[in-house]
Amino acid sequence: MRIIAGRWGGRRLRVPRRGAVRPTADRVREAWMSALQPDVEGATVADLFAGSGALGLEVLSRGARRVTFVEKSPASLAALRANIAALGAERDARIAREDAFAFVRGVERPYDLVLADPPYERGLATRLVEAFLNRPFAAALWIEHSRRETLPACPAARTRRYGDTLLTTITADHAR
């Protein structure tokens, strides 16, 4: 896996061993970053279910001001820390070693962007959207999920399809 564009474009990233994560495919990540690029410059971002940190590091590479990586798996945390160090991103990165749902419940000041790539087929994407609709924790939530998981109804949600992968965006002004 690699950073696609920006100041670290082409740099390789470590991924956790033992199948601990399902990395977002380069083509999906590239489409995702192109779609949110206008909102990245100077943004505060949270990367939920961060895994190796590829999504958050991609937005840092493209001009985000600060990224909080939320991850609880020890294997993923090791890869995430190694990737942040290899890129010299320590100044702009914060790691929160905790459950993503506990993290969003504790958000006091909403982020500009929250990116989430929860494990598929566990209902986590649905739970995250429900949490966002009840109390927005960002100006915009971008979530990757399986097409087999139907998210709660939100008329203003925008969904893009890439094979079996969907990217859904909901903005805080349309959450309620």
N, C-alpha and C. Protein backbone atom coordinates (compact mmCIF):
# COMPACT_ATOMS: atom_id res chain seq x y z
N MET A 1 0.85 -1.16 0.00
CA MET A 1 0.00 0.00 0.00
C MET A 1 0.90 1.23 0.00
N ARG A 2 0.39 2.30 -0.63
CA ARG A 2 1.21 3.50 -0.76
C ARG A 2 0.33 4.75 -0.62
N ILE A 3 0.99 5.89 -0.36
CA ILE A 3 0.31 7.19 -0.40
C ILE A 3 0.18 7.54 -1.88
N ILE A 4 -1.00 7.97 -2.29
CA ILE A 4 -1.27 8.20 -3.71
C ILE A 4 -0.76 9.55 -4.20
N ALA A 5 -1.00 10.61 -3.43
CA ALA A 5 -0.63 11.94 -3.93
C ALA A 5 -0.23 12.85 -2.78
N GLY A 6 0.21 14.06 -3.13
CA GLY A 6 0.61 15.04 -2.13
C GLY A 6 2.09 14.95 -1.83
N ARG A 7 2.47 15.56 -0.72
CA ARG A 7 3.90 15.66 -0.38
C ARG A 7 4.56 14.30 -0.16
N TRP A 8 3.78 13.27 0.20
CA TRP A 8 4.34 11.94 0.40
C TRP A 8 3.92 10.97 -0.70
N GLY A 9 3.43 11.48 -1.81
CA GLY A 9 2.97 10.62 -2.90
C GLY A 9 3.99 9.57 -3.28
N GLY A 10 3.54 8.32 -3.40
CA GLY A 10 4.40 7.21 -3.78
C GLY A 10 5.07 6.50 -2.62
N ARG A 11 5.06 7.10 -1.43
CA ARG A 11 5.69 6.46 -0.27
C ARG A 11 4.89 5.24 0.17
N ARG A 12 5.58 4.18 0.48
CA ARG A 12 4.94 2.92 0.90
C ARG A 12 4.59 2.97 2.39
N LEU A 13 3.51 2.27 2.72
CA LEU A 13 3.05 2.18 4.11
C LEU A 13 3.10 0.74 4.58
N ARG A 14 3.36 0.56 5.85
CA ARG A 14 3.28 -0.77 6.46
C ARG A 14 1.82 -1.08 6.75
N VAL A 15 1.49 -2.35 6.68
CA VAL A 15 0.16 -2.80 7.09
C VAL A 15 0.36 -3.86 8.17
N PRO A 16 -0.59 -3.96 9.09
CA PRO A 16 -0.47 -4.96 10.16
C PRO A 16 -0.41 -6.37 9.59
N ARG A 17 0.31 -7.22 10.25
CA ARG A 17 0.38 -8.63 9.85
C ARG A 17 -0.86 -9.36 10.33
N ARG A 18 -1.00 -10.58 9.84
CA ARG A 18 -2.07 -11.48 10.25
C ARG A 18 -3.47 -11.03 9.84
N GLY A 19 -3.59 -10.30 8.77
CA GLY A 19 -4.90 -9.93 8.26
C GLY A 19 -5.73 -9.09 9.21
N ALA A 20 -5.08 -8.28 10.04
CA ALA A 20 -5.80 -7.48 11.03
C ALA A 20 -6.63 -6.36 10.40
N VAL A 21 -6.31 -5.97 9.18
CA VAL A 21 -7.06 -4.90 8.52
C VAL A 21 -7.39 -5.30 7.09
N ARG A 22 -8.37 -4.62 6.55
CA ARG A 22 -8.77 -4.76 5.15
C ARG A 22 -8.50 -3.38 4.54
N PRO A 23 -7.31 -3.17 3.99
CA PRO A 23 -6.97 -1.84 3.47
C PRO A 23 -7.91 -1.42 2.34
N THR A 24 -8.22 -0.12 2.32
CA THR A 24 -8.99 0.44 1.23
C THR A 24 -8.18 0.31 -0.05
N ALA A 25 -8.79 -0.21 -1.09
CA ALA A 25 -8.11 -0.38 -2.38
C ALA A 25 -7.62 0.98 -2.89
N ASP A 26 -6.46 0.98 -3.55
CA ASP A 26 -5.90 2.24 -4.07
C ASP A 26 -6.91 2.99 -4.93
N ARG A 27 -7.64 2.28 -5.79
CA ARG A 27 -8.57 2.95 -6.69
C ARG A 27 -9.72 3.61 -5.92
N VAL A 28 -10.20 2.96 -4.87
CA VAL A 28 -11.27 3.54 -4.04
C VAL A 28 -10.72 4.73 -3.25
N ARG A 29 -9.52 4.56 -2.68
CA ARG A 29 -8.92 5.66 -1.91
C ARG A 29 -8.66 6.86 -2.80
N GLU A 30 -8.21 6.61 -4.03
CA GLU A 30 -7.96 7.70 -4.97
C GLU A 30 -9.25 8.45 -5.30
N ALA A 31 -10.32 7.72 -5.56
CA ALA A 31 -11.62 8.36 -5.83
C ALA A 31 -12.12 9.12 -4.61
N TRP A 32 -11.95 8.52 -3.43
CA TRP A 32 -12.37 9.14 -2.18
C TRP A 32 -11.63 10.46 -1.97
N MET A 33 -10.33 10.44 -2.12
CA MET A 33 -9.53 11.65 -1.90
C MET A 33 -9.84 12.72 -2.94
N SER A 34 -10.09 12.32 -4.17
CA SER A 34 -10.46 13.30 -5.20
C SER A 34 -11.78 13.97 -4.85
N ALA A 35 -12.72 13.21 -4.33
CA ALA A 35 -14.04 13.76 -3.99
C ALA A 35 -13.97 14.72 -2.81
N LEU A 36 -13.13 14.45 -1.84
CA LEU A 36 -13.09 15.35 -0.68
C LEU A 36 -11.96 16.37 -0.72
N GLN A 37 -11.13 16.34 -1.77
CA GLN A 37 -9.98 17.25 -1.88
C GLN A 37 -10.32 18.72 -1.61
N PRO A 38 -11.44 19.26 -2.11
CA PRO A 38 -11.72 20.68 -1.85
C PRO A 38 -11.85 21.01 -0.36
N ASP A 39 -12.13 20.02 0.48
CA ASP A 39 -12.33 20.25 1.91
C ASP A 39 -11.13 19.88 2.76
N VAL A 40 -10.04 19.43 2.16
CA VAL A 40 -8.90 18.91 2.91
C VAL A 40 -7.95 19.99 3.40
N GLU A 41 -7.64 20.97 2.59
CA GLU A 41 -6.63 21.98 2.93
C GLU A 41 -6.94 22.64 4.27
N GLY A 42 -6.03 22.47 5.22
CA GLY A 42 -6.17 23.09 6.53
C GLY A 42 -7.18 22.44 7.46
N ALA A 43 -7.75 21.32 7.08
CA ALA A 43 -8.82 20.68 7.85
C ALA A 43 -8.29 19.93 9.07
N THR A 44 -9.14 19.87 10.08
CA THR A 44 -8.91 18.96 11.20
C THR A 44 -9.70 17.70 10.89
N VAL A 45 -9.05 16.56 11.01
CA VAL A 45 -9.62 15.30 10.53
C VAL A 45 -9.47 14.23 11.61
N ALA A 46 -10.47 13.35 11.69
CA ALA A 46 -10.35 12.14 12.50
C ALA A 46 -10.46 10.96 11.55
N ASP A 47 -9.58 9.99 11.73
CA ASP A 47 -9.56 8.75 10.94
C ASP A 47 -9.97 7.64 11.89
N LEU A 48 -11.25 7.23 11.83
CA LEU A 48 -11.77 6.20 12.72
C LEU A 48 -11.49 4.82 12.15
N PHE A 49 -11.26 3.86 13.03
CA PHE A 49 -10.87 2.50 12.60
C PHE A 49 -9.64 2.65 11.70
N ALA A 50 -8.65 3.37 12.18
CA ALA A 50 -7.53 3.85 11.36
C ALA A 50 -6.67 2.75 10.75
N GLY A 51 -6.56 1.60 11.39
CA GLY A 51 -5.70 0.55 10.83
C GLY A 51 -4.28 1.05 10.66
N SER A 52 -3.76 0.98 9.45
CA SER A 52 -2.41 1.43 9.15
C SER A 52 -2.29 2.95 9.07
N GLY A 53 -3.44 3.64 9.05
CA GLY A 53 -3.43 5.10 8.95
C GLY A 53 -3.45 5.63 7.54
N ALA A 54 -3.67 4.77 6.55
CA ALA A 54 -3.59 5.19 5.15
C ALA A 54 -4.50 6.36 4.81
N LEU A 55 -5.73 6.35 5.29
CA LEU A 55 -6.65 7.45 4.96
C LEU A 55 -6.19 8.76 5.58
N GLY A 56 -5.89 8.74 6.86
CA GLY A 56 -5.45 9.95 7.53
C GLY A 56 -4.13 10.47 7.00
N LEU A 57 -3.21 9.56 6.72
CA LEU A 57 -1.92 10.00 6.17
C LEU A 57 -2.08 10.55 4.76
N GLU A 58 -3.03 10.01 4.02
CA GLU A 58 -3.31 10.54 2.67
C GLU A 58 -3.81 11.98 2.75
N VAL A 59 -4.71 12.29 3.70
CA VAL A 59 -5.19 13.67 3.79
C VAL A 59 -4.12 14.59 4.37
N LEU A 60 -3.27 14.09 5.26
CA LEU A 60 -2.14 14.92 5.71
C LEU A 60 -1.21 15.22 4.54
N SER A 61 -0.96 14.23 3.71
CA SER A 61 -0.12 14.41 2.53
C SER A 61 -0.68 15.47 1.60
N ARG A 62 -2.00 15.59 1.60
CA ARG A 62 -2.69 16.52 0.70
C ARG A 62 -3.04 17.85 1.34
N GLY A 63 -2.58 18.11 2.57
CA GLY A 63 -2.74 19.45 3.13
C GLY A 63 -3.63 19.59 4.35
N ALA A 64 -4.13 18.50 4.93
CA ALA A 64 -4.89 18.62 6.17
C ALA A 64 -3.97 19.19 7.25
N ARG A 65 -4.54 19.92 8.18
CA ARG A 65 -3.74 20.54 9.24
C ARG A 65 -3.35 19.54 10.33
N ARG A 66 -4.32 18.71 10.73
CA ARG A 66 -4.07 17.77 11.82
C ARG A 66 -5.01 16.59 11.68
N VAL A 67 -4.50 15.39 12.01
CA VAL A 67 -5.32 14.18 11.96
C VAL A 67 -5.20 13.44 13.29
N THR A 68 -6.36 13.05 13.81
CA THR A 68 -6.41 12.17 14.97
C THR A 68 -6.75 10.78 14.46
N PHE A 69 -5.88 9.83 14.73
CA PHE A 69 -6.06 8.45 14.30
C PHE A 69 -6.65 7.68 15.48
N VAL A 70 -7.81 7.05 15.25
CA VAL A 70 -8.49 6.31 16.31
C VAL A 70 -8.41 4.82 15.99
N GLU A 71 -7.73 4.10 16.87
CA GLU A 71 -7.51 2.67 16.64
C GLU A 71 -7.27 2.00 17.98
N LYS A 72 -7.72 0.75 18.13
CA LYS A 72 -7.48 0.05 19.39
C LYS A 72 -6.70 -1.26 19.23
N SER A 73 -6.55 -1.77 18.03
CA SER A 73 -5.83 -3.03 17.81
C SER A 73 -4.33 -2.82 17.98
N PRO A 74 -3.69 -3.62 18.84
CA PRO A 74 -2.24 -3.48 19.02
C PRO A 74 -1.44 -3.65 17.72
N ALA A 75 -1.82 -4.60 16.88
CA ALA A 75 -1.09 -4.81 15.62
C ALA A 75 -1.24 -3.59 14.71
N SER A 76 -2.44 -3.06 14.63
CA SER A 76 -2.66 -1.87 13.79
C SER A 76 -1.95 -0.66 14.37
N LEU A 77 -1.96 -0.52 15.68
CA LEU A 77 -1.27 0.61 16.31
C LEU A 77 0.22 0.58 16.02
N ALA A 78 0.82 -0.59 16.02
CA ALA A 78 2.25 -0.70 15.72
C ALA A 78 2.55 -0.24 14.30
N ALA A 79 1.74 -0.69 13.34
CA ALA A 79 1.92 -0.27 11.95
C ALA A 79 1.66 1.23 11.80
N LEU A 80 0.63 1.72 12.45
CA LEU A 80 0.28 3.14 12.40
C LEU A 80 1.43 4.00 12.92
N ARG A 81 1.94 3.65 14.08
CA ARG A 81 3.07 4.41 14.65
C ARG A 81 4.29 4.39 13.73
N ALA A 82 4.57 3.23 13.15
CA ALA A 82 5.71 3.12 12.23
C ALA A 82 5.50 3.99 10.99
N ASN A 83 4.28 4.02 10.46
CA ASN A 83 4.00 4.84 9.27
C ASN A 83 4.12 6.33 9.57
N ILE A 84 3.59 6.75 10.71
CA ILE A 84 3.69 8.16 11.10
C ILE A 84 5.16 8.56 11.25
N ALA A 85 5.95 7.70 11.91
CA ALA A 85 7.37 8.00 12.10
C ALA A 85 8.12 8.01 10.77
N ALA A 86 7.85 7.05 9.90
CA ALA A 86 8.55 6.97 8.61
C ALA A 86 8.31 8.21 7.75
N LEU A 87 7.13 8.80 7.88
CA LEU A 87 6.80 10.00 7.10
C LEU A 87 7.18 11.29 7.82
N GLY A 88 7.59 11.19 9.07
CA GLY A 88 7.91 12.38 9.84
C GLY A 88 6.67 13.20 10.14
N ALA A 89 5.55 12.54 10.38
CA ALA A 89 4.26 13.22 10.56
C ALA A 89 3.86 13.39 12.02
N GLU A 90 4.77 13.14 12.95
CA GLU A 90 4.43 13.19 14.37
C GLU A 90 3.81 14.52 14.81
N ARG A 91 4.27 15.62 14.25
CA ARG A 91 3.78 16.94 14.66
C ARG A 91 2.31 17.14 14.31
N ASP A 92 1.85 16.53 13.23
CA ASP A 92 0.48 16.75 12.74
C ASP A 92 -0.46 15.58 13.02
N ALA A 93 0.04 14.58 13.74
CA ALA A 93 -0.75 13.38 13.99
C ALA A 93 -0.91 13.14 15.49
N ARG A 94 -2.10 12.69 15.85
CA ARG A 94 -2.38 12.29 17.23
C ARG A 94 -3.01 10.91 17.17
N ILE A 95 -2.61 10.03 18.05
CA ILE A 95 -3.19 8.69 18.09
C ILE A 95 -4.05 8.57 19.35
N ALA A 96 -5.30 8.16 19.14
CA ALA A 96 -6.22 7.89 20.25
C ALA A 96 -6.43 6.38 20.28
N ARG A 97 -5.88 5.74 21.30
CA ARG A 97 -6.01 4.27 21.42
C ARG A 97 -7.30 3.98 22.17
N GLU A 98 -8.39 3.93 21.40
CA GLU A 98 -9.69 3.66 22.01
C GLU A 98 -10.71 3.23 20.97
N ASP A 99 -11.83 2.79 21.46
CA ASP A 99 -12.94 2.39 20.61
C ASP A 99 -13.47 3.62 19.86
N ALA A 100 -13.77 3.47 18.60
CA ALA A 100 -14.25 4.60 17.78
C ALA A 100 -15.54 5.20 18.33
N PHE A 101 -16.43 4.39 18.86
CA PHE A 101 -17.71 4.90 19.37
C PHE A 101 -17.51 5.69 20.66
N ALA A 102 -16.63 5.23 21.52
CA ALA A 102 -16.29 5.99 22.73
C ALA A 102 -15.65 7.31 22.33
N PHE A 103 -14.80 7.28 21.32
CA PHE A 103 -14.13 8.49 20.86
C PHE A 103 -15.15 9.52 20.38
N VAL A 104 -16.07 9.13 19.49
CA VAL A 104 -17.01 10.11 18.94
C VAL A 104 -17.97 10.63 20.01
N ARG A 105 -18.30 9.81 21.01
CA ARG A 105 -19.14 10.30 22.11
C ARG A 105 -18.44 11.40 22.88
N GLY A 106 -17.11 11.35 22.93
CA GLY A 106 -16.34 12.33 23.68
C GLY A 106 -15.91 13.55 22.89
N VAL A 107 -16.24 13.63 21.61
CA VAL A 107 -15.84 14.78 20.80
C VAL A 107 -16.57 16.03 21.30
N GLU A 108 -15.81 17.02 21.72
CA GLU A 108 -16.41 18.26 22.22
C GLU A 108 -16.52 19.31 21.13
N ARG A 109 -15.49 19.41 20.33
CA ARG A 109 -15.49 20.38 19.23
C ARG A 109 -15.43 19.59 17.93
N PRO A 110 -16.48 19.71 17.11
CA PRO A 110 -16.54 18.88 15.89
C PRO A 110 -15.33 19.07 14.97
N TYR A 111 -14.94 17.97 14.35
CA TYR A 111 -13.88 17.98 13.34
C TYR A 111 -14.44 18.55 12.04
N ASP A 112 -13.54 18.95 11.15
CA ASP A 112 -13.98 19.35 9.81
C ASP A 112 -14.42 18.10 9.04
N LEU A 113 -13.61 17.05 9.12
CA LEU A 113 -13.90 15.80 8.40
C LEU A 113 -13.66 14.62 9.32
N VAL A 114 -14.53 13.64 9.23
CA VAL A 114 -14.28 12.35 9.85
C VAL A 114 -14.34 11.31 8.75
N LEU A 115 -13.27 10.52 8.65
CA LEU A 115 -13.17 9.44 7.67
C LEU A 115 -13.26 8.13 8.45
N ALA A 116 -14.06 7.21 7.96
CA ALA A 116 -14.22 5.95 8.68
C ALA A 116 -14.26 4.78 7.70
N ASP A 117 -13.52 3.77 8.04
CA ASP A 117 -13.49 2.53 7.26
C ASP A 117 -13.60 1.37 8.25
N PRO A 118 -14.80 1.19 8.84
CA PRO A 118 -14.95 0.12 9.83
C PRO A 118 -14.94 -1.25 9.18
N PRO A 119 -14.63 -2.28 9.97
CA PRO A 119 -14.71 -3.64 9.43
C PRO A 119 -16.09 -3.91 8.85
N TYR A 120 -16.10 -4.59 7.72
CA TYR A 120 -17.36 -4.89 7.04
C TYR A 120 -18.16 -5.96 7.78
N GLU A 121 -19.45 -5.99 7.48
CA GLU A 121 -20.37 -7.06 7.90
C GLU A 121 -20.53 -7.18 9.41
N ARG A 122 -20.32 -6.11 10.14
CA ARG A 122 -20.51 -6.15 11.59
C ARG A 122 -21.52 -5.11 12.07
N GLY A 123 -22.09 -4.35 11.15
CA GLY A 123 -23.05 -3.32 11.52
C GLY A 123 -22.42 -2.05 12.07
N LEU A 124 -21.10 -1.96 11.99
CA LEU A 124 -20.40 -0.80 12.56
C LEU A 124 -20.66 0.48 11.77
N ALA A 125 -20.76 0.37 10.47
CA ALA A 125 -21.06 1.55 9.64
C ALA A 125 -22.44 2.09 10.01
N THR A 126 -23.40 1.21 10.17
CA THR A 126 -24.76 1.62 10.56
C THR A 126 -24.74 2.32 11.91
N ARG A 127 -24.05 1.73 12.88
CA ARG A 127 -23.97 2.34 14.22
C ARG A 127 -23.30 3.71 14.17
N LEU A 128 -22.28 3.84 13.33
CA LEU A 128 -21.58 5.12 13.24
C LEU A 128 -22.48 6.19 12.63
N VAL A 129 -23.21 5.84 11.59
CA VAL A 129 -24.13 6.81 10.98
C VAL A 129 -25.22 7.19 11.97
N GLU A 130 -25.74 6.24 12.70
CA GLU A 130 -26.76 6.55 13.72
C GLU A 130 -26.21 7.54 14.76
N ALA A 131 -24.98 7.30 15.21
CA ALA A 131 -24.35 8.21 16.16
C ALA A 131 -24.21 9.62 15.57
N PHE A 132 -23.82 9.69 14.32
CA PHE A 132 -23.65 10.98 13.64
C PHE A 132 -24.98 11.70 13.48
N LEU A 133 -26.01 10.96 13.10
CA LEU A 133 -27.32 11.57 12.92
C LEU A 133 -27.89 12.09 14.24
N ASN A 134 -27.56 11.42 15.34
CA ASN A 134 -28.03 11.87 16.66
C ASN A 134 -27.24 13.05 17.21
N ARG A 135 -25.93 13.07 16.92
CA ARG A 135 -25.06 14.14 17.41
C ARG A 135 -23.85 14.26 16.48
N PRO A 136 -23.95 15.14 15.49
CA PRO A 136 -22.83 15.26 14.53
C PRO A 136 -21.52 15.62 15.24
N PHE A 137 -20.48 14.88 14.91
CA PHE A 137 -19.17 15.09 15.51
C PHE A 137 -18.18 15.62 14.49
N ALA A 138 -18.70 16.05 13.33
CA ALA A 138 -17.86 16.62 12.26
C ALA A 138 -18.76 17.42 11.32
N ALA A 139 -18.14 18.29 10.55
CA ALA A 139 -18.90 18.98 9.50
C ALA A 139 -19.35 17.99 8.44
N ALA A 140 -18.51 16.96 8.21
CA ALA A 140 -18.87 15.93 7.23
C ALA A 140 -18.30 14.58 7.66
N LEU A 141 -19.12 13.55 7.53
CA LEU A 141 -18.71 12.17 7.78
C LEU A 141 -18.61 11.48 6.44
N TRP A 142 -17.47 10.86 6.19
CA TRP A 142 -17.24 10.03 5.00
C TRP A 142 -17.00 8.63 5.49
N ILE A 143 -17.80 7.69 5.03
CA ILE A 143 -17.70 6.32 5.54
C ILE A 143 -17.67 5.31 4.41
N GLU A 144 -16.71 4.40 4.49
CA GLU A 144 -16.62 3.29 3.53
C GLU A 144 -17.36 2.11 4.12
N HIS A 145 -18.19 1.45 3.30
CA HIS A 145 -18.92 0.29 3.79
C HIS A 145 -19.26 -0.63 2.63
N SER A 146 -19.66 -1.83 2.99
CA SER A 146 -20.06 -2.83 2.01
C SER A 146 -21.44 -2.48 1.45
N ARG A 147 -21.66 -2.82 0.22
CA ARG A 147 -22.98 -2.58 -0.37
C ARG A 147 -24.04 -3.44 0.29
N ARG A 148 -23.61 -4.47 1.01
CA ARG A 148 -24.56 -5.35 1.71
C ARG A 148 -25.06 -4.75 3.02
N GLU A 149 -24.46 -3.65 3.46
CA GLU A 149 -24.90 -3.00 4.69
C GLU A 149 -25.73 -1.76 4.33
N THR A 150 -26.99 -1.79 4.69
CA THR A 150 -27.89 -0.67 4.43
C THR A 150 -27.80 0.31 5.59
N LEU A 151 -27.42 1.54 5.29
CA LEU A 151 -27.28 2.56 6.32
C LEU A 151 -28.64 3.19 6.64
N PRO A 152 -28.75 3.81 7.82
CA PRO A 152 -30.00 4.50 8.16
C PRO A 152 -30.35 5.55 7.12
N ALA A 153 -31.64 5.76 6.94
CA ALA A 153 -32.12 6.72 5.94
C ALA A 153 -31.67 8.14 6.29
N CYS A 154 -31.13 8.79 5.31
CA CYS A 154 -30.75 10.20 5.41
C CYS A 154 -30.83 10.75 4.00
N PRO A 155 -31.89 11.50 3.69
CA PRO A 155 -32.11 11.95 2.31
C PRO A 155 -30.94 12.73 1.69
N ALA A 156 -30.18 13.41 2.52
CA ALA A 156 -29.08 14.22 1.98
C ALA A 156 -27.78 13.44 1.83
N ALA A 157 -27.76 12.18 2.23
CA ALA A 157 -26.53 11.38 2.09
C ALA A 157 -26.23 11.18 0.61
N ARG A 158 -24.95 11.24 0.30
CA ARG A 158 -24.49 10.96 -1.07
C ARG A 158 -23.67 9.70 -1.02
N THR A 159 -23.97 8.77 -1.92
CA THR A 159 -23.26 7.50 -1.95
C THR A 159 -22.69 7.26 -3.34
N ARG A 160 -21.42 6.84 -3.35
CA ARG A 160 -20.73 6.48 -4.58
C ARG A 160 -20.42 4.99 -4.49
N ARG A 161 -20.51 4.30 -5.62
CA ARG A 161 -20.27 2.85 -5.62
C ARG A 161 -19.02 2.52 -6.42
N TYR A 162 -18.21 1.63 -5.86
CA TYR A 162 -17.00 1.11 -6.49
C TYR A 162 -17.02 -0.40 -6.31
N GLY A 163 -17.69 -1.10 -7.20
CA GLY A 163 -17.86 -2.54 -7.06
C GLY A 163 -18.72 -2.83 -5.84
N ASP A 164 -18.21 -3.63 -4.91
CA ASP A 164 -18.93 -3.96 -3.68
C ASP A 164 -18.72 -2.94 -2.57
N THR A 165 -17.90 -1.94 -2.84
CA THR A 165 -17.57 -0.92 -1.86
C THR A 165 -18.39 0.34 -2.12
N LEU A 166 -18.95 0.90 -1.04
CA LEU A 166 -19.68 2.16 -1.13
C LEU A 166 -18.99 3.21 -0.27
N LEU A 167 -19.00 4.44 -0.74
CA LEU A 167 -18.55 5.59 0.04
C LEU A 167 -19.75 6.49 0.24
N THR A 168 -20.12 6.71 1.48
CA THR A 168 -21.28 7.55 1.78
C THR A 168 -20.81 8.78 2.54
N THR A 169 -21.35 9.93 2.16
CA THR A 169 -21.05 11.21 2.79
C THR A 169 -22.31 11.81 3.37
N ILE A 170 -22.22 12.28 4.60
CA ILE A 170 -23.32 12.99 5.23
C ILE A 170 -22.73 14.24 5.88
N THR A 171 -23.34 15.39 5.64
CA THR A 171 -22.87 16.62 6.27
C THR A 171 -23.71 16.91 7.51
N ALA A 172 -23.10 17.61 8.46
CA ALA A 172 -23.78 17.90 9.73
C ALA A 172 -25.04 18.71 9.52
N ASP A 173 -25.04 19.62 8.55
CA ASP A 173 -26.25 20.43 8.34
C ASP A 173 -27.40 19.62 7.77
N HIS A 174 -27.13 18.39 7.30
CA HIS A 174 -28.19 17.52 6.80
C HIS A 174 -28.45 16.33 7.72
N ALA A 175 -27.75 16.28 8.84
CA ALA A 175 -27.87 15.13 9.73
C ALA A 175 -29.18 15.09 10.49
N ARG A 176 -29.74 16.21 10.76
CA ARG A 176 -30.97 16.23 11.60
C ARG A 176 -32.19 16.45 10.75
